[in-house]
Amino acid sequence: MSRTVQFTSVGAAAMIILAAAHGPSRRATGVAPRDMPRLATIDDRYESYNIEMVEVTGGNFWRPYTSQGIATLTAKAKQASASGSTAFSGQVGQDTTMFQKRPPLDLTNPRLRKLAAALGPAYVRVSGSWANSIYFHDADTPAPEKAPNGFDGVLTRAQWRAVLDFAREADARLMTSFAISQGVRDASGAWTPAQARKVVRYSSELGGRIAAAEFFNEPDMPEYAGAPKGYNAAQYARDHASFVRFARAEAPGMLVVGPSSVGEGTLLQGMADAMPGFMSTKSMFSATPRPEVEVFSYHHYPTASIRCGMYSPPDTALSEEFLGRTDREYMFYVTGIRDHALPNQPPVWITETADAACGGNPWASSFLDTFRYLDQLGRLAKRGVAVVFHNTLASSEYGLLDQRDFSPRPNYWGALLWRRLMGTRVLDAGPSPTGLHLYANCLRGHSGGVTLLAINLSRTRSESLNVPNAAERYTLSSSRLEGNSVQLNGTTLGLGGGDALPVLHGIAVPAGRLLLAPSTITFLTIADANNANCR
């Protein structure tokens, strides 16, 4: 691991030389930090994350890739994609070769807590499809070895207490969901709050608080999510109304979030209306009584991993089409459903997102995915999405941290820079030329200051900006896009002794033309922008 580094202007010169070495850029793009209008305001906990319920309890989660496994799965995924048949056509959760049994996540691990706290304040969402069928053993006696009938897993008091402790230490407000499987249904098949009530009351006994909750995870795939066979929109509307009554009575102040559907605008396009076992979100909000939510939520994965039979080669990761799927999903759920079904237009949270469903593709843990991650944060902030939950904090290939030792992956460093530099007021950075994406927020902690995020997607061409102010530059790069190391202004990032985070100093750059090397991500902080929207 590298030591803490103080970055100097020598690094700035090195980055300019690096950019020039890749040939001339297009005509420089001009930016006007002082005059950027305000577009939206995001939550101070905008950048949040998931810890899956199965991580808390232990159990089957996505099997880690091996070199041989990648080759085999890639071949199968190419064949499936060519034939139009994937795991999402009905095999999700049925192929045991996708999963591997894991022990419970050690939420007391000092490194895990320290690195999570550095991203705070945030929300931590403990949910996922495994939460839909979880039995809460509300006693201090030994938990049953096998879940009771109607459930698929067991959550103990000690495990839930560890969740509450972790959230407190990490400055993370807790979000969750509840069991909806056969074990909590009455003779008529209606949902009852028997389990949810126990979780809420035990949390209160410990001095903890559930800040927000979804009824259940991904109801547009109800049968795969643990709901009874044949579960439909009318039953969902009935059950959701019962959930809202429970929440208001037992947990006043807990935000009701929903529906947390997944992928109907991209990944599962057309399936919810056409295939058994799926249920469209539109039908849920057309049923009576119409579901009431205080926050509108959905999940977005631009594709599924090779584990689930979808092949997206790494070459697509920087394409406009791939990155633009974030906008397509937003338009489907927010413009297409929320804006019509919910006249009060509640705030929007994306409660799961990553490069690919089913644990992420092999390159999810590399610098290549940091472009998608930060571009997505920029796009969604411009649209006024209040909170975005990355999946996950520390499990599978799409974790911000390595699941073996909790060491930071490239996406973690991107997340940390966003947390440190991007404030809650979102600005219009102006038009972005193809291949160079520009986003801007007020500079965190500096009245009148602006942070510009410039993402050069080209693998071969340098880009340049005309910046009218002196600034500080933070450029992320990697010698290998599909590698797991990342450099800030040319110096490799890593933890120091005692897991100390490096000092993330920028390098001073003068006003004028600024070169951006191919395949780099640059945060540019302009403290004296004097933008009136940032005062």
Protein backbone atom coordinates (compact mmCIF):
# COMPACT_ATOMS: atom_id res chain seq x y z
CA MET A 1 0.00 0.00 0.00
CA SER A 2 1.23 3.48 -0.81
CA ARG A 3 2.02 6.17 1.67
CA THR A 4 0.12 9.43 2.02
CA VAL A 5 1.16 11.82 -0.74
CA GLN A 6 1.19 15.61 -0.94
CA PHE A 7 0.72 16.45 -4.62
CA THR A 8 2.70 19.29 -6.21
CA SER A 9 2.82 21.31 -9.43
CA VAL A 10 5.29 18.77 -10.84
CA GLY A 11 2.29 16.49 -11.20
CA ALA A 12 0.43 19.18 -13.15
CA ALA A 13 3.24 19.45 -15.67
CA ALA A 14 3.30 15.67 -16.01
CA MET A 15 -0.42 15.56 -16.77
CA ILE A 16 -0.12 18.27 -19.43
CA ILE A 17 2.75 16.39 -21.09
CA LEU A 18 0.70 13.18 -20.94
CA ALA A 19 -2.24 14.85 -22.68
CA ALA A 20 -0.02 16.43 -25.35
CA ALA A 21 1.59 13.06 -26.06
CA HIS A 22 -1.73 11.80 -27.37
CA GLY A 23 -1.88 14.41 -30.10
CA PRO A 24 -3.85 17.61 -30.52
CA SER A 25 -7.33 17.90 -29.12
CA ARG A 26 -10.37 19.36 -30.80
CA ARG A 27 -11.05 23.03 -30.47
CA ALA A 28 -11.17 23.87 -26.80
CA THR A 29 -14.58 23.83 -25.11
CA GLY A 30 -15.31 27.01 -23.21
CA VAL A 31 -16.84 27.02 -19.73
CA ALA A 32 -18.16 29.96 -17.72
CA PRO A 33 -18.18 29.01 -14.01
CA ARG A 34 -19.44 32.39 -12.84
CA ASP A 35 -22.54 32.28 -15.04
CA MET A 36 -23.60 28.64 -14.70
CA PRO A 37 -27.32 28.60 -13.81
CA ARG A 38 -28.69 26.45 -11.02
CA LEU A 39 -30.57 23.32 -12.12
CA ALA A 40 -31.42 21.35 -8.98
CA THR A 41 -30.57 20.57 -5.39
CA ILE A 42 -29.56 17.08 -4.27
CA ASP A 43 -29.59 15.57 -0.79
CA ASP A 44 -26.45 15.92 1.29
CA ARG A 45 -26.58 12.10 1.41
CA TYR A 46 -26.82 11.92 -2.39
CA GLU A 47 -24.00 9.40 -2.67
CA SER A 48 -25.20 6.34 -0.74
CA TYR A 49 -24.74 2.57 -0.88
CA ASN A 50 -26.24 -0.87 -0.28
CA ILE A 51 -25.36 -3.71 2.06
CA GLU A 52 -27.48 -6.66 0.95
CA MET A 53 -29.51 -8.42 3.64
CA VAL A 54 -27.80 -11.68 2.66
CA GLU A 55 -24.47 -10.08 3.55
CA VAL A 56 -25.79 -9.43 7.05
CA THR A 57 -27.20 -12.91 7.60
CA GLY A 58 -24.77 -14.92 5.51
CA GLY A 59 -25.97 -17.10 2.66
CA ASN A 60 -25.78 -17.51 -1.09
CA PHE A 61 -24.57 -14.44 -2.96
CA TRP A 62 -22.98 -14.01 -6.39
CA ARG A 63 -20.10 -16.44 -6.94
CA PRO A 64 -16.78 -14.60 -7.47
CA TYR A 65 -15.30 -14.81 -10.95
CA THR A 66 -12.29 -16.92 -11.81
CA SER A 67 -10.27 -16.70 -15.03
CA GLN A 68 -11.69 -19.99 -16.24
CA GLY A 69 -15.17 -19.03 -15.11
CA ILE A 70 -15.02 -15.74 -17.00
CA ALA A 71 -14.13 -17.51 -20.22
CA THR A 72 -16.91 -20.08 -19.81
CA LEU A 73 -19.56 -17.54 -18.78
CA THR A 74 -18.58 -15.14 -21.56
CA ALA A 75 -18.98 -17.88 -24.16
CA LYS A 76 -22.40 -18.82 -22.76
CA ALA A 77 -23.48 -15.18 -22.56
CA LYS A 78 -22.47 -14.52 -26.18
CA GLN A 79 -24.48 -17.53 -27.25
CA ALA A 80 -27.48 -16.53 -25.14
CA SER A 81 -27.39 -12.93 -26.37
CA ALA A 82 -27.21 -14.10 -29.97
CA SER A 83 -30.26 -16.32 -29.49
CA GLY A 84 -32.18 -13.72 -27.46
CA SER A 85 -32.40 -16.02 -24.42
CA THR A 86 -30.95 -14.90 -21.08
CA ALA A 87 -31.35 -15.73 -17.40
CA PHE A 88 -33.79 -12.83 -17.14
CA SER A 89 -36.26 -14.72 -19.29
CA GLY A 90 -37.07 -16.85 -16.27
CA GLN A 91 -34.01 -18.36 -14.65
CA VAL A 92 -33.05 -15.71 -12.09
CA GLY A 93 -32.52 -17.34 -8.72
CA GLN A 94 -32.77 -20.88 -10.11
CA ASP A 95 -29.21 -21.49 -11.33
CA THR A 96 -27.24 -22.44 -8.22
CA THR A 97 -23.94 -22.20 -10.12
CA MET A 98 -24.37 -18.41 -9.99
CA PHE A 99 -24.06 -18.33 -6.21
CA GLN A 100 -21.65 -19.17 -3.42
CA LYS A 101 -22.43 -19.52 0.27
CA ARG A 102 -20.79 -16.77 2.32
CA PRO A 103 -20.48 -16.09 6.03
CA PRO A 104 -22.04 -12.92 7.46
CA LEU A 105 -20.20 -9.69 6.67
CA ASP A 106 -18.12 -8.43 9.60
CA LEU A 107 -19.74 -5.05 10.13
CA THR A 108 -17.39 -4.34 13.04
CA ASN A 109 -14.29 -4.43 10.82
CA PRO A 110 -12.35 -1.18 11.52
CA ARG A 111 -11.28 -0.68 7.89
CA LEU A 112 -14.82 -1.19 6.61
CA ARG A 113 -16.23 1.28 9.10
CA LYS A 114 -13.50 3.85 8.51
CA LEU A 115 -13.84 3.82 4.73
CA ALA A 116 -17.63 3.92 4.92
CA ALA A 117 -17.51 6.84 7.34
CA ALA A 118 -15.32 8.78 4.89
CA LEU A 119 -18.25 8.71 2.44
CA GLY A 120 -20.66 10.05 5.06
CA PRO A 121 -23.11 11.46 5.59
CA ALA A 122 -24.94 8.85 3.53
CA TYR A 123 -27.80 6.36 3.57
CA VAL A 124 -27.10 2.66 3.90
CA ARG A 125 -29.79 0.40 2.44
CA VAL A 126 -30.02 -3.11 3.90
CA SER A 127 -32.39 -4.88 1.56
CA GLY A 128 -32.23 -6.82 -1.70
CA SER A 129 -34.33 -9.75 -2.83
CA TRP A 130 -33.05 -11.88 0.06
CA ALA A 131 -34.77 -9.49 2.49
CA ASN A 132 -38.17 -10.36 1.00
CA SER A 133 -38.17 -13.79 2.63
CA ILE A 134 -36.18 -13.15 5.81
CA TYR A 135 -37.32 -14.34 9.24
CA PHE A 136 -36.37 -12.08 12.15
CA HIS A 137 -35.58 -14.23 15.20
CA ASP A 138 -36.73 -11.75 17.82
CA ALA A 139 -35.13 -13.44 20.83
CA ASP A 140 -31.71 -13.83 22.40
CA THR A 141 -31.96 -17.61 22.26
CA PRO A 142 -30.07 -19.51 19.52
CA ALA A 143 -31.62 -18.95 16.10
CA PRO A 144 -33.14 -21.92 14.29
CA GLU A 145 -30.75 -23.67 11.92
CA LYS A 146 -33.45 -23.71 9.27
CA ALA A 147 -35.83 -20.86 8.52
CA PRO A 148 -39.48 -21.48 9.51
CA ASN A 149 -41.97 -22.40 6.81
CA GLY A 150 -42.65 -19.50 4.49
CA PHE A 151 -39.17 -17.99 4.88
CA ASP A 152 -35.79 -18.60 3.21
CA GLY A 153 -33.35 -17.06 5.71
CA VAL A 154 -32.90 -16.03 9.34
CA LEU A 155 -31.85 -12.63 10.72
CA THR A 156 -30.77 -12.59 14.38
CA ARG A 157 -30.95 -9.81 16.92
CA ALA A 158 -27.15 -9.68 17.07
CA GLN A 159 -26.92 -9.24 13.30
CA TRP A 160 -29.50 -6.46 13.26
CA ARG A 161 -27.80 -4.78 16.21
CA ALA A 162 -24.57 -4.83 14.17
CA VAL A 163 -26.39 -3.08 11.32
CA LEU A 164 -27.58 -0.32 13.65
CA ASP A 165 -24.11 0.07 15.16
CA PHE A 166 -22.51 0.23 11.71
CA ALA A 167 -24.95 2.88 10.52
CA ARG A 168 -24.26 5.01 13.57
CA GLU A 169 -20.48 4.73 13.23
CA ALA A 170 -20.56 5.40 9.47
CA ASP A 171 -22.86 8.46 9.73
CA ALA A 172 -25.36 6.60 7.57
CA ARG A 173 -29.12 6.75 7.95
CA LEU A 174 -30.63 3.29 7.71
CA MET A 175 -33.02 2.20 4.99
CA THR A 176 -34.50 -1.29 4.69
CA SER A 177 -37.42 -3.38 3.44
CA PHE A 178 -39.44 -6.18 4.99
CA ALA A 179 -40.51 -9.78 4.52
CA ILE A 180 -43.44 -10.33 2.14
CA SER A 181 -43.17 -14.10 1.64
CA GLN A 182 -45.74 -16.73 2.60
CA GLY A 183 -44.57 -16.66 6.21
CA VAL A 184 -46.15 -13.24 6.84
CA ARG A 185 -49.44 -13.81 5.03
CA ASP A 186 -52.80 -14.59 6.57
CA ALA A 187 -55.33 -17.21 5.48
CA SER A 188 -56.61 -14.95 2.71
CA GLY A 189 -53.10 -14.39 1.36
CA ALA A 190 -52.91 -10.77 2.54
CA TRP A 191 -49.65 -9.34 3.89
CA THR A 192 -49.39 -8.79 7.65
CA PRO A 193 -46.80 -6.69 9.55
CA ALA A 194 -45.96 -9.51 11.95
CA GLN A 195 -42.25 -9.47 11.09
CA ALA A 196 -41.89 -5.80 10.18
CA ARG A 197 -43.29 -4.75 13.57
CA LYS A 198 -40.67 -6.81 15.40
CA VAL A 199 -37.79 -5.26 13.43
CA VAL A 200 -39.07 -1.71 13.97
CA ARG A 201 -39.68 -2.19 17.68
CA TYR A 202 -36.34 -3.89 18.32
CA SER A 203 -34.56 -1.06 16.49
CA SER A 204 -36.32 1.44 18.73
CA GLU A 205 -35.41 -0.52 21.86
CA LEU A 206 -31.74 -0.21 20.91
CA GLY A 207 -32.02 3.51 20.32
CA GLY A 208 -31.74 3.04 16.58
CA ARG A 209 -33.97 4.37 13.85
CA ILE A 210 -35.08 3.17 10.45
CA ALA A 211 -35.08 6.37 8.43
CA ALA A 212 -36.75 4.95 5.33
CA ALA A 213 -38.24 1.70 4.08
CA GLU A 214 -39.53 0.16 0.87
CA PHE A 215 -42.36 -2.36 1.16
CA PHE A 216 -40.35 -5.00 -0.67
CA ASN A 217 -37.54 -5.28 -3.16
CA GLU A 218 -38.25 -5.32 -6.91
CA PRO A 219 -41.99 -6.01 -6.99
CA ASP A 220 -42.03 -6.01 -10.80
CA MET A 221 -40.54 -9.52 -10.51
CA PRO A 222 -42.80 -10.65 -7.65
CA GLU A 223 -42.49 -14.42 -7.93
CA TYR A 224 -38.70 -14.24 -8.18
CA ALA A 225 -38.79 -11.82 -5.25
CA GLY A 226 -40.60 -14.26 -2.94
CA ALA A 227 -44.25 -13.23 -3.41
CA PRO A 228 -46.93 -15.92 -3.87
CA LYS A 229 -47.34 -17.42 -7.33
CA GLY A 230 -49.70 -15.36 -9.46
CA TYR A 231 -49.21 -12.21 -7.35
CA ASN A 232 -50.74 -9.28 -9.23
CA ALA A 233 -51.12 -5.51 -9.16
CA ALA A 234 -54.41 -5.58 -7.23
CA GLN A 235 -52.81 -7.65 -4.48
CA TYR A 236 -49.80 -5.35 -4.42
CA ALA A 237 -52.02 -2.27 -4.05
CA ARG A 238 -53.93 -3.92 -1.19
CA ASP A 239 -50.74 -5.01 0.58
CA HIS A 240 -48.98 -1.71 0.05
CA ALA A 241 -51.89 0.13 1.67
CA SER A 242 -51.52 -2.17 4.70
CA PHE A 243 -47.81 -1.39 4.77
CA VAL A 244 -48.45 2.35 4.75
CA ARG A 245 -50.92 2.03 7.64
CA PHE A 246 -48.36 0.01 9.58
CA ALA A 247 -45.58 2.52 8.90
CA ARG A 248 -47.62 5.49 10.04
CA ALA A 249 -48.73 3.74 13.21
CA GLU A 250 -45.51 1.98 14.24
CA ALA A 251 -42.77 4.16 12.74
CA PRO A 252 -43.87 7.78 12.41
CA GLY A 253 -41.16 9.69 10.61
CA MET A 254 -39.98 6.65 8.63
CA LEU A 255 -40.16 7.60 4.95
CA VAL A 256 -42.25 5.28 2.81
CA VAL A 257 -40.23 4.69 -0.35
CA GLY A 258 -41.25 2.75 -3.41
CA PRO A 259 -41.87 0.85 -5.52
CA SER A 260 -38.16 -0.07 -6.07
CA SER A 261 -38.92 -1.72 -9.41
CA VAL A 262 -36.03 -2.66 -11.66
CA GLY A 263 -35.03 -2.18 -15.25
CA GLU A 264 -38.28 -1.87 -17.19
CA GLY A 265 -36.90 0.95 -19.31
CA THR A 266 -33.74 -0.91 -20.28
CA LEU A 267 -32.76 -4.26 -18.80
CA LEU A 268 -36.22 -5.87 -18.65
CA GLN A 269 -37.82 -3.86 -21.41
CA GLY A 270 -41.14 -5.44 -22.42
CA MET A 271 -40.93 -8.36 -19.99
CA ALA A 272 -43.13 -6.91 -17.25
CA ASP A 273 -46.16 -6.83 -19.53
CA ALA A 274 -45.50 -9.97 -21.53
CA MET A 275 -44.07 -12.74 -19.37
CA PRO A 276 -45.36 -14.83 -16.45
CA GLY A 277 -43.85 -13.89 -13.12
CA PHE A 278 -43.45 -10.21 -14.01
CA MET A 279 -45.70 -7.26 -13.15
CA SER A 280 -45.40 -3.79 -14.62
CA THR A 281 -44.94 -0.78 -12.39
CA LYS A 282 -47.55 1.03 -14.45
CA SER A 283 -50.11 -1.62 -13.47
CA MET A 284 -49.19 -1.23 -9.78
CA PHE A 285 -49.91 2.50 -9.87
CA SER A 286 -53.10 1.96 -11.86
CA ALA A 287 -54.52 -0.39 -9.21
CA THR A 288 -56.82 0.59 -6.34
CA PRO A 289 -55.96 1.93 -3.87
CA ARG A 290 -53.13 3.67 -5.68
CA PRO A 291 -49.88 3.08 -3.76
CA GLU A 292 -48.82 6.06 -1.64
CA VAL A 293 -45.13 6.86 -1.34
CA GLU A 294 -43.16 9.77 0.09
CA VAL A 295 -40.17 8.97 -2.12
CA PHE A 296 -40.41 7.41 -5.59
CA SER A 297 -37.71 4.78 -6.13
CA TYR A 298 -36.45 2.48 -8.84
CA HIS A 299 -33.34 0.43 -9.66
CA HIS A 300 -31.10 0.90 -12.67
CA TYR A 301 -28.62 -1.55 -14.15
CA PRO A 302 -27.68 -0.74 -17.76
CA THR A 303 -27.19 -4.45 -18.39
CA ALA A 304 -26.88 -7.78 -16.60
CA SER A 305 -23.59 -9.56 -16.04
CA ILE A 306 -22.36 -12.63 -17.86
CA ARG A 307 -23.59 -14.63 -14.84
CA CYS A 308 -27.12 -13.97 -16.04
CA GLY A 309 -26.38 -14.59 -19.67
CA MET A 310 -26.02 -11.03 -20.99
CA TYR A 311 -22.87 -10.07 -22.84
CA SER A 312 -21.72 -6.44 -22.77
CA PRO A 313 -18.10 -6.25 -23.89
CA PRO A 314 -15.82 -3.78 -22.10
CA ASP A 315 -15.63 -1.78 -25.35
CA THR A 316 -19.22 -0.63 -24.73
CA ALA A 317 -18.46 0.83 -21.29
CA LEU A 318 -17.46 4.26 -22.62
CA SER A 319 -20.05 4.46 -25.38
CA GLU A 320 -22.70 7.15 -25.48
CA GLU A 321 -25.39 4.50 -25.92
CA PHE A 322 -24.36 2.55 -22.81
CA LEU A 323 -24.06 5.64 -20.61
CA GLY A 324 -27.29 7.06 -22.02
CA ARG A 325 -29.29 4.13 -20.63
CA THR A 326 -29.34 6.05 -17.35
CA ASP A 327 -31.49 8.70 -19.05
CA ARG A 328 -33.72 6.11 -20.70
CA GLU A 329 -34.49 4.48 -17.36
CA TYR A 330 -35.19 7.85 -15.75
CA MET A 331 -37.58 8.80 -18.53
CA PHE A 332 -39.41 5.48 -18.21
CA TYR A 333 -39.95 5.60 -14.47
CA VAL A 334 -40.03 9.28 -13.59
CA THR A 335 -41.44 10.99 -16.66
CA GLY A 336 -43.50 7.99 -17.70
CA ILE A 337 -44.93 6.84 -14.35
CA ARG A 338 -44.23 9.12 -11.38
CA ASP A 339 -45.21 12.33 -13.12
CA HIS A 340 -48.56 10.87 -14.17
CA ALA A 341 -49.47 8.63 -11.25
CA LEU A 342 -48.32 10.86 -8.38
CA PRO A 343 -49.50 14.47 -8.75
CA ASN A 344 -47.38 15.63 -5.79
CA GLN A 345 -44.26 14.37 -7.63
CA PRO A 346 -42.28 13.12 -4.61
CA PRO A 347 -38.48 13.16 -4.70
CA VAL A 348 -36.72 10.39 -6.60
CA TRP A 349 -34.21 7.93 -5.15
CA ILE A 350 -32.42 5.27 -7.15
CA THR A 351 -32.04 2.63 -4.48
CA GLU A 352 -29.83 0.24 -6.46
CA THR A 353 -27.45 0.85 -9.34
CA ALA A 354 -24.19 -0.56 -10.68
CA ASP A 355 -22.60 -1.47 -14.00
CA ALA A 356 -24.59 -4.71 -14.30
CA ALA A 357 -27.15 -6.73 -12.37
CA CYS A 358 -26.16 -10.19 -11.09
CA GLY A 359 -23.09 -9.00 -9.20
CA GLY A 360 -21.46 -6.91 -11.92
CA ASN A 361 -19.29 -7.80 -14.88
CA PRO A 362 -15.60 -8.71 -14.40
CA TRP A 363 -14.57 -5.14 -15.24
CA ALA A 364 -16.90 -3.62 -12.62
CA SER A 365 -14.02 -3.59 -10.14
CA SER A 366 -11.70 -1.73 -12.52
CA PHE A 367 -11.09 1.91 -13.40
CA LEU A 368 -13.17 1.39 -16.55
CA ASP A 369 -16.37 1.42 -14.48
CA THR A 370 -15.48 4.67 -12.71
CA PHE A 371 -16.48 6.52 -15.89
CA ARG A 372 -19.98 5.02 -15.69
CA TYR A 373 -20.23 5.64 -11.97
CA LEU A 374 -19.27 9.32 -11.99
CA ASP A 375 -21.08 10.05 -15.26
CA GLN A 376 -24.22 8.54 -13.75
CA LEU A 377 -23.91 10.67 -10.63
CA GLY A 378 -23.54 13.77 -12.81
CA ARG A 379 -26.49 12.91 -15.09
CA LEU A 380 -28.86 12.09 -12.25
CA ALA A 381 -27.91 15.17 -10.24
CA LYS A 382 -28.78 17.36 -13.23
CA ARG A 383 -32.21 15.74 -13.30
CA GLY A 384 -32.74 16.43 -9.60
CA VAL A 385 -32.58 12.83 -8.37
CA ALA A 386 -32.12 13.29 -4.62
CA VAL A 387 -30.20 10.14 -3.60
CA VAL A 388 -28.34 7.39 -5.51
CA PHE A 389 -27.50 4.07 -3.79
CA HIS A 390 -24.59 2.19 -5.32
CA ASN A 391 -24.76 -1.60 -5.13
CA THR A 392 -22.79 -2.61 -3.12
CA LEU A 393 -20.43 -1.19 -0.52
CA ALA A 394 -18.27 -4.30 -0.22
CA SER A 395 -19.57 -7.42 -1.97
CA SER A 396 -19.18 -8.91 -5.43
CA GLU A 397 -17.43 -7.29 -8.39
CA TYR A 398 -19.52 -4.14 -8.22
CA GLY A 399 -18.56 -3.33 -4.61
CA LEU A 400 -16.84 -0.03 -3.89
CA LEU A 401 -14.50 -2.05 -1.67
CA ASP A 402 -12.88 -5.41 -2.32
CA GLN A 403 -14.94 -8.15 -0.67
CA ARG A 404 -11.85 -10.01 0.57
CA ASP A 405 -9.99 -7.31 2.49
CA PHE A 406 -12.12 -4.15 2.08
CA SER A 407 -9.36 -2.37 0.18
CA PRO A 408 -10.63 0.54 -1.96
CA ARG A 409 -11.40 -0.06 -5.61
CA PRO A 410 -11.22 2.70 -8.25
CA ASN A 411 -14.91 3.54 -7.81
CA TYR A 412 -14.28 4.22 -4.13
CA TRP A 413 -11.71 6.89 -4.96
CA GLY A 414 -14.15 8.45 -7.41
CA ALA A 415 -16.83 8.40 -4.73
CA LEU A 416 -14.51 10.01 -2.20
CA LEU A 417 -13.59 12.85 -4.55
CA TRP A 418 -17.28 13.49 -5.32
CA ARG A 419 -18.00 13.54 -1.59
CA ARG A 420 -15.20 16.00 -0.88
CA LEU A 421 -15.67 18.35 -3.85
CA MET A 422 -19.26 18.32 -5.14
CA GLY A 423 -21.82 20.27 -3.14
CA THR A 424 -25.59 19.87 -3.13
CA ARG A 425 -26.44 22.66 -5.58
CA VAL A 426 -26.33 21.41 -9.15
CA LEU A 427 -25.34 23.76 -11.97
CA ASP A 428 -25.61 23.70 -15.76
CA ALA A 429 -22.06 23.29 -17.06
CA GLY A 430 -23.16 24.02 -20.62
CA PRO A 431 -23.22 21.75 -23.66
CA SER A 432 -20.95 18.73 -23.71
CA PRO A 433 -19.35 17.78 -27.04
CA THR A 434 -19.57 14.10 -27.96
CA GLY A 435 -17.09 12.13 -25.89
CA LEU A 436 -16.47 14.88 -23.33
CA HIS A 437 -19.07 15.00 -20.57
CA LEU A 438 -19.21 18.09 -18.37
CA TYR A 439 -21.04 18.41 -15.06
CA ALA A 440 -20.90 21.08 -12.38
CA ASN A 441 -21.96 21.57 -8.77
CA CYS A 442 -21.21 24.27 -6.27
CA LEU A 443 -17.87 23.63 -4.59
CA ARG A 444 -18.47 21.99 -1.24
CA GLY A 445 -17.65 24.31 1.65
CA HIS A 446 -16.71 27.38 -0.44
CA SER A 447 -19.23 30.17 -0.94
CA GLY A 448 -19.37 31.17 -4.59
CA GLY A 449 -17.08 28.32 -5.65
CA VAL A 450 -17.76 25.82 -8.44
CA THR A 451 -16.54 22.27 -9.10
CA LEU A 452 -16.45 21.14 -12.71
CA LEU A 453 -16.38 17.42 -13.51
CA ALA A 454 -14.89 16.70 -16.95
CA ILE A 455 -14.97 13.10 -18.24
CA ASN A 456 -12.95 12.37 -21.39
CA LEU A 457 -14.42 9.17 -22.80
CA SER A 458 -12.11 8.97 -25.80
CA ARG A 459 -9.44 6.28 -25.62
CA THR A 460 -7.22 8.09 -28.14
CA ARG A 461 -7.99 11.80 -28.28
CA SER A 462 -7.10 14.53 -25.83
CA GLU A 463 -9.68 17.19 -25.05
CA SER A 464 -9.21 20.74 -23.85
CA LEU A 465 -11.14 23.32 -21.89
CA ASN A 466 -10.88 27.10 -21.82
CA VAL A 467 -11.24 27.98 -18.14
CA PRO A 468 -11.35 31.70 -17.23
CA ASN A 469 -10.18 31.19 -13.63
CA ALA A 470 -7.24 29.69 -11.85
CA ALA A 471 -8.26 26.34 -10.38
CA GLU A 472 -7.15 23.18 -8.62
CA ARG A 473 -7.11 20.00 -10.63
CA TYR A 474 -7.80 16.41 -9.53
CA THR A 475 -7.29 14.01 -12.44
CA LEU A 476 -7.97 10.28 -12.13
CA SER A 477 -6.24 8.00 -14.61
CA SER A 478 -4.91 4.46 -14.91
CA SER A 479 -2.19 2.83 -16.95
CA ARG A 480 -4.71 0.08 -17.73
CA LEU A 481 -8.41 0.85 -18.00
CA GLU A 482 -9.38 -2.65 -16.89
CA GLY A 483 -6.87 -2.56 -14.05
CA ASN A 484 -7.66 -2.16 -10.37
CA SER A 485 -5.27 0.68 -9.56
CA VAL A 486 -5.94 4.37 -10.10
CA GLN A 487 -3.72 7.43 -10.06
CA LEU A 488 -4.57 10.91 -8.85
CA ASN A 489 -2.50 13.48 -10.76
CA GLY A 490 -0.10 10.69 -11.66
CA THR A 491 0.35 9.17 -8.18
CA THR A 492 -1.20 5.82 -7.30
CA LEU A 493 -3.85 5.98 -4.61
CA GLY A 494 -3.79 3.60 -1.66
CA LEU A 495 -4.17 3.41 2.07
CA GLY A 496 -1.31 4.32 4.37
CA GLY A 497 -0.31 2.98 7.77
CA GLY A 498 -3.24 2.27 10.04
CA ASP A 499 -5.48 2.42 6.95
CA ALA A 500 -4.98 6.18 6.72
CA LEU A 501 -6.58 7.74 3.67
CA PRO A 502 -4.18 9.75 1.50
CA VAL A 503 -4.43 13.53 1.49
CA LEU A 504 -6.35 14.31 -1.71
CA HIS A 505 -4.69 17.58 -2.66
CA GLY A 506 -5.30 19.09 -6.07
CA ILE A 507 -2.66 20.79 -8.16
CA ALA A 508 -2.81 24.47 -9.05
CA VAL A 509 -3.48 25.30 -12.70
CA PRO A 510 -3.63 28.81 -14.20
CA ALA A 511 -6.56 30.25 -16.13
CA GLY A 512 -6.55 29.40 -19.81
CA ARG A 513 -6.42 26.24 -21.88
CA LEU A 514 -6.47 23.00 -19.91
CA LEU A 515 -5.60 19.69 -21.56
CA LEU A 516 -7.44 16.49 -20.64
CA ALA A 517 -5.69 13.24 -21.55
CA PRO A 518 -7.67 10.38 -23.15
CA SER A 519 -9.64 8.17 -20.77
CA THR A 520 -9.29 10.45 -17.76
CA ILE A 521 -11.68 11.95 -15.23
CA THR A 522 -10.97 15.44 -13.89
CA PHE A 523 -12.51 17.38 -11.03
CA LEU A 524 -11.64 21.07 -11.36
CA THR A 525 -12.34 23.23 -8.30
CA ILE A 526 -12.72 26.96 -8.91
CA ALA A 527 -12.90 28.62 -5.52
CA ASP A 528 -13.15 32.19 -6.86
CA ALA A 529 -15.80 31.51 -9.52
CA ASN A 530 -18.06 34.00 -7.74
CA ASN A 531 -21.21 32.16 -8.88
CA ALA A 532 -24.19 33.81 -7.20
CA ASN A 533 -26.06 30.49 -7.11
CA CYS A 534 -23.34 29.09 -4.86
CA ARG A 535 -23.43 31.71 -2.13
